N, C-alpha and C. Protein backbone atom coordinates (compact mmCIF):
# COMPACT_ATOMS: atom_id res chain seq x y z
N MET A 1 -53.10 41.42 -25.83
CA MET A 1 -53.11 40.30 -26.76
C MET A 1 -54.51 39.73 -26.83
N VAL A 2 -54.99 39.53 -28.04
CA VAL A 2 -56.30 38.94 -28.27
C VAL A 2 -56.17 37.43 -28.22
N VAL A 3 -57.05 36.76 -27.49
CA VAL A 3 -57.04 35.31 -27.44
C VAL A 3 -57.80 34.79 -28.65
N MET A 4 -57.15 33.96 -29.42
CA MET A 4 -57.77 33.39 -30.61
C MET A 4 -57.70 31.88 -30.51
N HIS A 5 -58.56 31.23 -31.20
CA HIS A 5 -58.58 29.78 -31.23
C HIS A 5 -58.48 29.32 -32.68
N PRO A 6 -57.29 29.50 -33.29
CA PRO A 6 -57.15 29.10 -34.69
C PRO A 6 -57.26 27.59 -34.82
N ARG A 7 -57.70 27.19 -35.99
CA ARG A 7 -57.75 25.76 -36.27
C ARG A 7 -57.25 25.53 -37.69
N LEU A 8 -56.72 24.35 -37.92
CA LEU A 8 -56.27 24.01 -39.25
C LEU A 8 -57.50 23.92 -40.14
N THR A 9 -57.56 24.74 -41.19
CA THR A 9 -58.74 24.79 -42.04
C THR A 9 -58.49 24.32 -43.46
N HIS A 10 -57.22 24.22 -43.84
CA HIS A 10 -56.91 23.88 -45.23
C HIS A 10 -55.47 23.40 -45.30
N PHE A 11 -55.20 22.48 -46.21
CA PHE A 11 -53.83 22.12 -46.51
C PHE A 11 -53.68 22.07 -48.02
N ALA A 12 -52.47 22.32 -48.47
CA ALA A 12 -52.17 22.23 -49.90
C ALA A 12 -50.92 21.39 -50.08
N ILE A 13 -50.94 20.59 -51.11
CA ILE A 13 -49.77 19.80 -51.48
C ILE A 13 -49.15 20.50 -52.68
N ASN A 14 -47.95 21.03 -52.51
CA ASN A 14 -47.23 21.70 -53.58
C ASN A 14 -46.49 20.66 -54.41
N THR A 15 -46.53 20.82 -55.72
CA THR A 15 -45.92 19.82 -56.59
C THR A 15 -45.45 20.43 -57.89
N ASP A 16 -44.49 19.78 -58.50
CA ASP A 16 -44.04 20.19 -59.82
C ASP A 16 -44.88 19.54 -60.91
N ASP A 17 -45.71 18.54 -60.56
CA ASP A 17 -46.56 17.84 -61.53
C ASP A 17 -47.92 17.57 -60.89
N VAL A 18 -48.86 18.49 -61.09
CA VAL A 18 -50.18 18.38 -60.47
C VAL A 18 -50.89 17.10 -60.90
N GLU A 19 -50.85 16.78 -62.19
CA GLU A 19 -51.56 15.60 -62.68
C GLU A 19 -51.02 14.31 -62.05
N ALA A 20 -49.70 14.17 -61.97
CA ALA A 20 -49.11 12.96 -61.39
C ALA A 20 -49.42 12.88 -59.90
N THR A 21 -49.38 14.01 -59.20
CA THR A 21 -49.67 14.01 -57.77
C THR A 21 -51.13 13.69 -57.53
N GLN A 22 -52.00 14.23 -58.34
CA GLN A 22 -53.44 13.93 -58.26
C GLN A 22 -53.66 12.42 -58.48
N ALA A 23 -53.03 11.87 -59.50
CA ALA A 23 -53.18 10.44 -59.78
C ALA A 23 -52.66 9.60 -58.62
N PHE A 24 -51.54 10.01 -58.03
CA PHE A 24 -50.95 9.28 -56.91
C PHE A 24 -51.92 9.21 -55.72
N TYR A 25 -52.41 10.38 -55.27
CA TYR A 25 -53.29 10.39 -54.09
C TYR A 25 -54.66 9.78 -54.40
N GLY A 26 -55.10 9.90 -55.64
CA GLY A 26 -56.34 9.24 -56.02
C GLY A 26 -56.20 7.73 -55.93
N SER A 27 -55.04 7.22 -56.34
CA SER A 27 -54.79 5.79 -56.30
C SER A 27 -54.56 5.28 -54.88
N VAL A 28 -53.76 6.01 -54.11
CA VAL A 28 -53.40 5.57 -52.76
C VAL A 28 -54.57 5.71 -51.78
N PHE A 29 -55.23 6.87 -51.76
CA PHE A 29 -56.26 7.15 -50.76
C PHE A 29 -57.68 7.17 -51.31
N GLY A 30 -57.82 7.05 -52.63
CA GLY A 30 -59.16 7.11 -53.21
C GLY A 30 -59.75 8.51 -53.23
N TRP A 31 -58.90 9.54 -53.09
CA TRP A 31 -59.39 10.91 -53.09
C TRP A 31 -60.00 11.26 -54.43
N ARG A 32 -61.00 12.12 -54.38
CA ARG A 32 -61.62 12.68 -55.59
C ARG A 32 -61.25 14.15 -55.66
N PHE A 33 -61.33 14.71 -56.86
CA PHE A 33 -60.83 16.06 -57.10
C PHE A 33 -61.78 16.84 -58.00
N ARG A 34 -61.59 18.16 -57.98
CA ARG A 34 -62.23 19.03 -58.98
C ARG A 34 -61.32 20.24 -59.17
N GLU A 35 -61.29 20.71 -60.42
CA GLU A 35 -60.51 21.92 -60.71
C GLU A 35 -61.22 23.10 -60.07
N TYR A 36 -60.40 24.04 -59.58
CA TYR A 36 -60.97 25.18 -58.88
C TYR A 36 -59.93 26.29 -58.82
N GLY A 37 -60.35 27.51 -59.07
CA GLY A 37 -59.44 28.65 -58.91
C GLY A 37 -58.48 28.79 -60.06
N PRO A 38 -57.24 29.20 -59.73
CA PRO A 38 -56.24 29.44 -60.78
C PRO A 38 -55.90 28.16 -61.54
N PRO A 39 -55.33 28.29 -62.74
CA PRO A 39 -54.93 27.11 -63.50
C PRO A 39 -54.00 26.22 -62.69
N GLY A 40 -54.23 24.91 -62.74
CA GLY A 40 -53.39 23.97 -62.03
C GLY A 40 -53.80 23.72 -60.60
N PHE A 41 -54.77 24.45 -60.10
CA PHE A 41 -55.23 24.31 -58.72
C PHE A 41 -56.36 23.28 -58.70
N VAL A 42 -56.21 22.21 -57.94
CA VAL A 42 -57.19 21.14 -57.87
C VAL A 42 -57.62 20.95 -56.42
N GLN A 43 -58.92 21.02 -56.15
CA GLN A 43 -59.41 20.76 -54.80
C GLN A 43 -59.44 19.27 -54.53
N ILE A 44 -59.07 18.90 -53.31
CA ILE A 44 -59.21 17.53 -52.83
C ILE A 44 -60.54 17.49 -52.09
N LEU A 45 -61.42 16.58 -52.47
CA LEU A 45 -62.76 16.52 -51.89
C LEU A 45 -62.84 15.47 -50.79
N ASP A 46 -63.74 15.71 -49.84
CA ASP A 46 -63.94 14.75 -48.76
C ASP A 46 -64.62 13.49 -49.29
N GLU A 47 -64.88 12.55 -48.41
CA GLU A 47 -65.44 11.27 -48.84
C GLU A 47 -66.80 11.39 -49.50
N SER A 48 -67.54 12.47 -49.23
CA SER A 48 -68.83 12.66 -49.88
C SER A 48 -68.67 13.14 -51.33
N GLY A 49 -67.47 13.64 -51.65
CA GLY A 49 -67.22 14.18 -52.98
C GLY A 49 -67.77 15.57 -53.17
N GLU A 50 -68.19 16.20 -52.07
CA GLU A 50 -68.81 17.52 -52.15
C GLU A 50 -67.97 18.63 -51.51
N GLU A 51 -67.41 18.37 -50.33
CA GLU A 51 -66.72 19.40 -49.56
C GLU A 51 -65.21 19.36 -49.78
N PRO A 52 -64.60 20.52 -50.07
CA PRO A 52 -63.14 20.54 -50.22
C PRO A 52 -62.46 20.37 -48.86
N MET A 53 -61.38 19.61 -48.84
CA MET A 53 -60.61 19.46 -47.60
C MET A 53 -59.16 19.87 -47.79
N GLY A 54 -58.77 20.14 -49.02
CA GLY A 54 -57.41 20.55 -49.30
C GLY A 54 -57.25 20.82 -50.78
N ALA A 55 -55.99 20.92 -51.21
CA ALA A 55 -55.72 21.22 -52.61
C ALA A 55 -54.39 20.64 -53.03
N ILE A 56 -54.28 20.42 -54.32
CA ILE A 56 -52.99 20.15 -54.96
C ILE A 56 -52.75 21.35 -55.87
N GLN A 57 -51.54 21.90 -55.80
CA GLN A 57 -51.26 23.13 -56.54
C GLN A 57 -49.83 23.13 -57.05
N PRO A 58 -49.57 23.93 -58.10
CA PRO A 58 -48.19 24.06 -58.57
C PRO A 58 -47.30 24.57 -57.43
N ARG A 59 -46.11 24.01 -57.37
CA ARG A 59 -45.17 24.38 -56.30
C ARG A 59 -44.90 25.88 -56.32
N ARG A 60 -44.90 26.46 -55.15
CA ARG A 60 -44.50 27.86 -55.03
C ARG A 60 -43.37 27.95 -54.04
N GLN A 61 -42.82 29.13 -53.94
CA GLN A 61 -41.67 29.34 -53.07
C GLN A 61 -42.01 30.44 -52.07
N LEU A 62 -42.46 30.04 -50.87
CA LEU A 62 -42.77 31.00 -49.83
C LEU A 62 -41.50 31.49 -49.14
N LEU A 63 -40.53 30.60 -48.96
CA LEU A 63 -39.25 30.96 -48.36
C LEU A 63 -38.30 31.45 -49.44
N ASP A 64 -37.47 32.42 -49.12
CA ASP A 64 -36.57 33.02 -50.11
C ASP A 64 -35.62 32.01 -50.75
N ASP A 65 -35.14 31.06 -49.97
CA ASP A 65 -34.06 30.20 -50.44
C ASP A 65 -34.45 28.75 -50.69
N ALA A 66 -35.76 28.44 -50.67
CA ALA A 66 -36.15 27.04 -50.86
C ALA A 66 -37.58 26.93 -51.40
N PRO A 67 -37.79 25.98 -52.30
CA PRO A 67 -39.17 25.74 -52.76
C PRO A 67 -39.98 25.12 -51.62
N THR A 68 -41.29 25.30 -51.65
CA THR A 68 -42.15 24.75 -50.61
C THR A 68 -42.29 23.25 -50.84
N LEU A 69 -41.84 22.48 -49.87
CA LEU A 69 -41.94 21.03 -49.90
C LEU A 69 -42.93 20.60 -48.82
N GLY A 70 -43.50 19.44 -48.98
CA GLY A 70 -44.43 18.95 -47.97
C GLY A 70 -45.77 19.65 -48.05
N PHE A 71 -46.54 19.50 -47.01
CA PHE A 71 -47.89 20.06 -46.97
C PHE A 71 -47.83 21.48 -46.45
N GLU A 72 -48.57 22.36 -47.08
CA GLU A 72 -48.65 23.77 -46.69
C GLU A 72 -49.97 23.93 -45.92
N CYS A 73 -49.89 24.38 -44.68
CA CYS A 73 -51.07 24.45 -43.81
C CYS A 73 -51.60 25.88 -43.67
N THR A 74 -52.92 26.00 -43.67
CA THR A 74 -53.58 27.29 -43.45
C THR A 74 -54.41 27.18 -42.18
N PHE A 75 -54.25 28.17 -41.30
CA PHE A 75 -55.01 28.23 -40.06
C PHE A 75 -56.09 29.30 -40.17
N GLY A 76 -57.31 28.95 -39.83
CA GLY A 76 -58.40 29.91 -39.80
C GLY A 76 -58.29 30.76 -38.55
N VAL A 77 -58.36 32.09 -38.72
CA VAL A 77 -58.24 33.03 -37.60
C VAL A 77 -59.33 34.09 -37.70
N ASP A 78 -59.55 34.78 -36.61
CA ASP A 78 -60.57 35.83 -36.57
C ASP A 78 -60.07 37.16 -37.13
N ASP A 79 -58.76 37.42 -37.00
CA ASP A 79 -58.23 38.74 -37.36
C ASP A 79 -56.80 38.57 -37.89
N VAL A 80 -56.63 38.65 -39.20
CA VAL A 80 -55.31 38.47 -39.82
C VAL A 80 -54.33 39.55 -39.37
N ASP A 81 -54.80 40.78 -39.22
CA ASP A 81 -53.90 41.86 -38.81
C ASP A 81 -53.35 41.62 -37.40
N GLU A 82 -54.19 41.17 -36.49
CA GLU A 82 -53.74 40.87 -35.13
C GLU A 82 -52.77 39.69 -35.12
N VAL A 83 -53.07 38.67 -35.90
CA VAL A 83 -52.18 37.52 -35.99
C VAL A 83 -50.83 37.94 -36.56
N ARG A 84 -50.84 38.83 -37.55
CA ARG A 84 -49.58 39.33 -38.11
C ARG A 84 -48.71 39.94 -37.02
N GLU A 85 -49.31 40.78 -36.18
CA GLU A 85 -48.56 41.42 -35.10
C GLU A 85 -48.05 40.38 -34.10
N GLN A 86 -48.85 39.39 -33.79
CA GLN A 86 -48.43 38.34 -32.86
C GLN A 86 -47.29 37.50 -33.44
N ILE A 87 -47.34 37.25 -34.73
CA ILE A 87 -46.27 36.50 -35.40
C ILE A 87 -44.95 37.25 -35.25
N LEU A 88 -44.97 38.54 -35.56
CA LEU A 88 -43.75 39.35 -35.47
C LEU A 88 -43.25 39.45 -34.04
N ALA A 89 -44.15 39.64 -33.10
CA ALA A 89 -43.76 39.75 -31.69
C ALA A 89 -43.17 38.45 -31.15
N ALA A 90 -43.58 37.33 -31.72
CA ALA A 90 -43.12 36.03 -31.25
C ALA A 90 -41.87 35.54 -32.00
N GLY A 91 -41.33 36.37 -32.88
CA GLY A 91 -40.10 36.00 -33.57
C GLY A 91 -40.29 35.40 -34.95
N GLY A 92 -41.51 35.45 -35.48
CA GLY A 92 -41.76 34.96 -36.82
C GLY A 92 -41.48 36.03 -37.86
N ARG A 93 -41.67 35.66 -39.12
CA ARG A 93 -41.42 36.58 -40.23
C ARG A 93 -42.59 36.49 -41.20
N ILE A 94 -43.01 37.62 -41.72
CA ILE A 94 -44.09 37.65 -42.70
C ILE A 94 -43.50 37.39 -44.08
N LEU A 95 -44.04 36.38 -44.77
CA LEU A 95 -43.57 36.01 -46.10
C LEU A 95 -44.42 36.63 -47.19
N MET A 96 -45.70 36.83 -46.91
CA MET A 96 -46.63 37.44 -47.86
C MET A 96 -47.59 38.30 -47.05
N GLU A 97 -47.60 39.59 -47.35
CA GLU A 97 -48.52 40.50 -46.65
C GLU A 97 -49.96 40.15 -46.99
N LYS A 98 -50.88 40.73 -46.26
CA LYS A 98 -52.30 40.42 -46.42
C LYS A 98 -52.74 40.56 -47.86
N PHE A 99 -53.40 39.52 -48.31
CA PHE A 99 -53.90 39.43 -49.68
C PHE A 99 -55.35 38.99 -49.60
N THR A 100 -56.24 39.69 -50.28
CA THR A 100 -57.65 39.34 -50.26
C THR A 100 -57.99 38.47 -51.47
N ILE A 101 -58.58 37.33 -51.19
CA ILE A 101 -59.07 36.44 -52.23
C ILE A 101 -60.58 36.65 -52.30
N PRO A 102 -61.09 37.19 -53.40
CA PRO A 102 -62.53 37.47 -53.49
C PRO A 102 -63.38 36.24 -53.15
N ASN A 103 -64.41 36.47 -52.38
CA ASN A 103 -65.36 35.44 -51.95
C ASN A 103 -64.75 34.37 -51.05
N VAL A 104 -63.53 34.60 -50.57
CA VAL A 104 -62.89 33.65 -49.65
C VAL A 104 -62.46 34.34 -48.37
N GLY A 105 -61.60 35.38 -48.47
CA GLY A 105 -61.17 36.09 -47.27
C GLY A 105 -59.78 36.68 -47.42
N ASP A 106 -59.20 37.06 -46.27
CA ASP A 106 -57.88 37.68 -46.21
C ASP A 106 -56.86 36.64 -45.77
N LEU A 107 -55.69 36.66 -46.43
CA LEU A 107 -54.67 35.64 -46.22
C LEU A 107 -53.31 36.28 -46.03
N ILE A 108 -52.51 35.73 -45.11
CA ILE A 108 -51.10 36.09 -45.00
C ILE A 108 -50.30 34.79 -44.94
N ALA A 109 -49.03 34.87 -45.34
CA ALA A 109 -48.11 33.75 -45.20
C ALA A 109 -47.01 34.20 -44.24
N PHE A 110 -46.55 33.24 -43.42
CA PHE A 110 -45.53 33.56 -42.44
C PHE A 110 -44.57 32.39 -42.27
N GLU A 111 -43.45 32.69 -41.61
CA GLU A 111 -42.46 31.68 -41.28
C GLU A 111 -42.30 31.66 -39.78
N ASP A 112 -42.36 30.48 -39.18
CA ASP A 112 -42.15 30.39 -37.74
C ASP A 112 -40.65 30.39 -37.43
N PRO A 113 -40.24 30.50 -36.17
CA PRO A 113 -38.81 30.53 -35.85
C PRO A 113 -38.05 29.28 -36.27
N GLY A 114 -38.74 28.17 -36.49
CA GLY A 114 -38.09 26.96 -36.94
C GLY A 114 -37.90 26.88 -38.44
N GLY A 115 -38.34 27.92 -39.16
CA GLY A 115 -38.17 27.96 -40.61
C GLY A 115 -39.32 27.34 -41.38
N ASN A 116 -40.43 27.05 -40.72
CA ASN A 116 -41.59 26.44 -41.38
C ASN A 116 -42.55 27.49 -41.90
N PRO A 117 -42.89 27.45 -43.20
CA PRO A 117 -43.89 28.38 -43.71
C PRO A 117 -45.29 27.88 -43.38
N ALA A 118 -46.21 28.80 -43.15
CA ALA A 118 -47.62 28.49 -42.92
C ALA A 118 -48.43 29.70 -43.33
N LEU A 119 -49.76 29.56 -43.32
CA LEU A 119 -50.64 30.66 -43.69
C LEU A 119 -51.72 30.85 -42.65
N ALA A 120 -52.25 32.07 -42.58
CA ALA A 120 -53.38 32.38 -41.71
C ALA A 120 -54.43 33.07 -42.57
N MET A 121 -55.69 32.62 -42.44
CA MET A 121 -56.79 33.12 -43.27
C MET A 121 -57.96 33.52 -42.39
N ARG A 122 -58.47 34.73 -42.65
CA ARG A 122 -59.74 35.14 -42.07
C ARG A 122 -60.78 34.90 -43.16
N TYR A 123 -61.60 33.89 -42.96
CA TYR A 123 -62.59 33.52 -43.97
C TYR A 123 -63.76 34.49 -43.94
N ASP A 124 -64.14 34.97 -45.12
CA ASP A 124 -65.28 35.87 -45.26
C ASP A 124 -65.71 35.82 -46.72
N ASP A 125 -66.79 35.08 -46.99
CA ASP A 125 -67.20 34.90 -48.39
C ASP A 125 -67.85 36.13 -49.01
N SER A 126 -67.94 37.24 -48.22
CA SER A 126 -68.52 38.47 -48.77
C SER A 126 -67.46 39.46 -49.27
N VAL A 127 -66.17 39.16 -49.06
CA VAL A 127 -65.14 40.10 -49.50
C VAL A 127 -64.98 40.08 -51.01
N GLU A 128 -64.62 41.23 -51.55
CA GLU A 128 -64.43 41.34 -53.01
C GLU A 128 -63.03 41.75 -53.34
């Protein structure tokens, strides 16, 4: 087993109404935003207004029988393939096999034994 030190690197708020959710968090927390990536995907910027700290995105369904509610967390890891094997060995389930996002890295989605979906990403801005 490879010892890894994953850390929470990204969160996404899934919603049926991106504009209303953006307006809500902008009003409540003073968050600033910018459009980024696929249509409907909005980055949440840090207090400087420069660095992304999360996203608001159209709701997706990672679990077979339920839409994704709440915050969707992504953990930064060194090796997505190794993490995939550790997830399966520990009783988890893979929801989305490895997917490469150009200029970002490799991503998988998984479900823990408690039924919680999460993601693991190996960041690499040189991937195509």
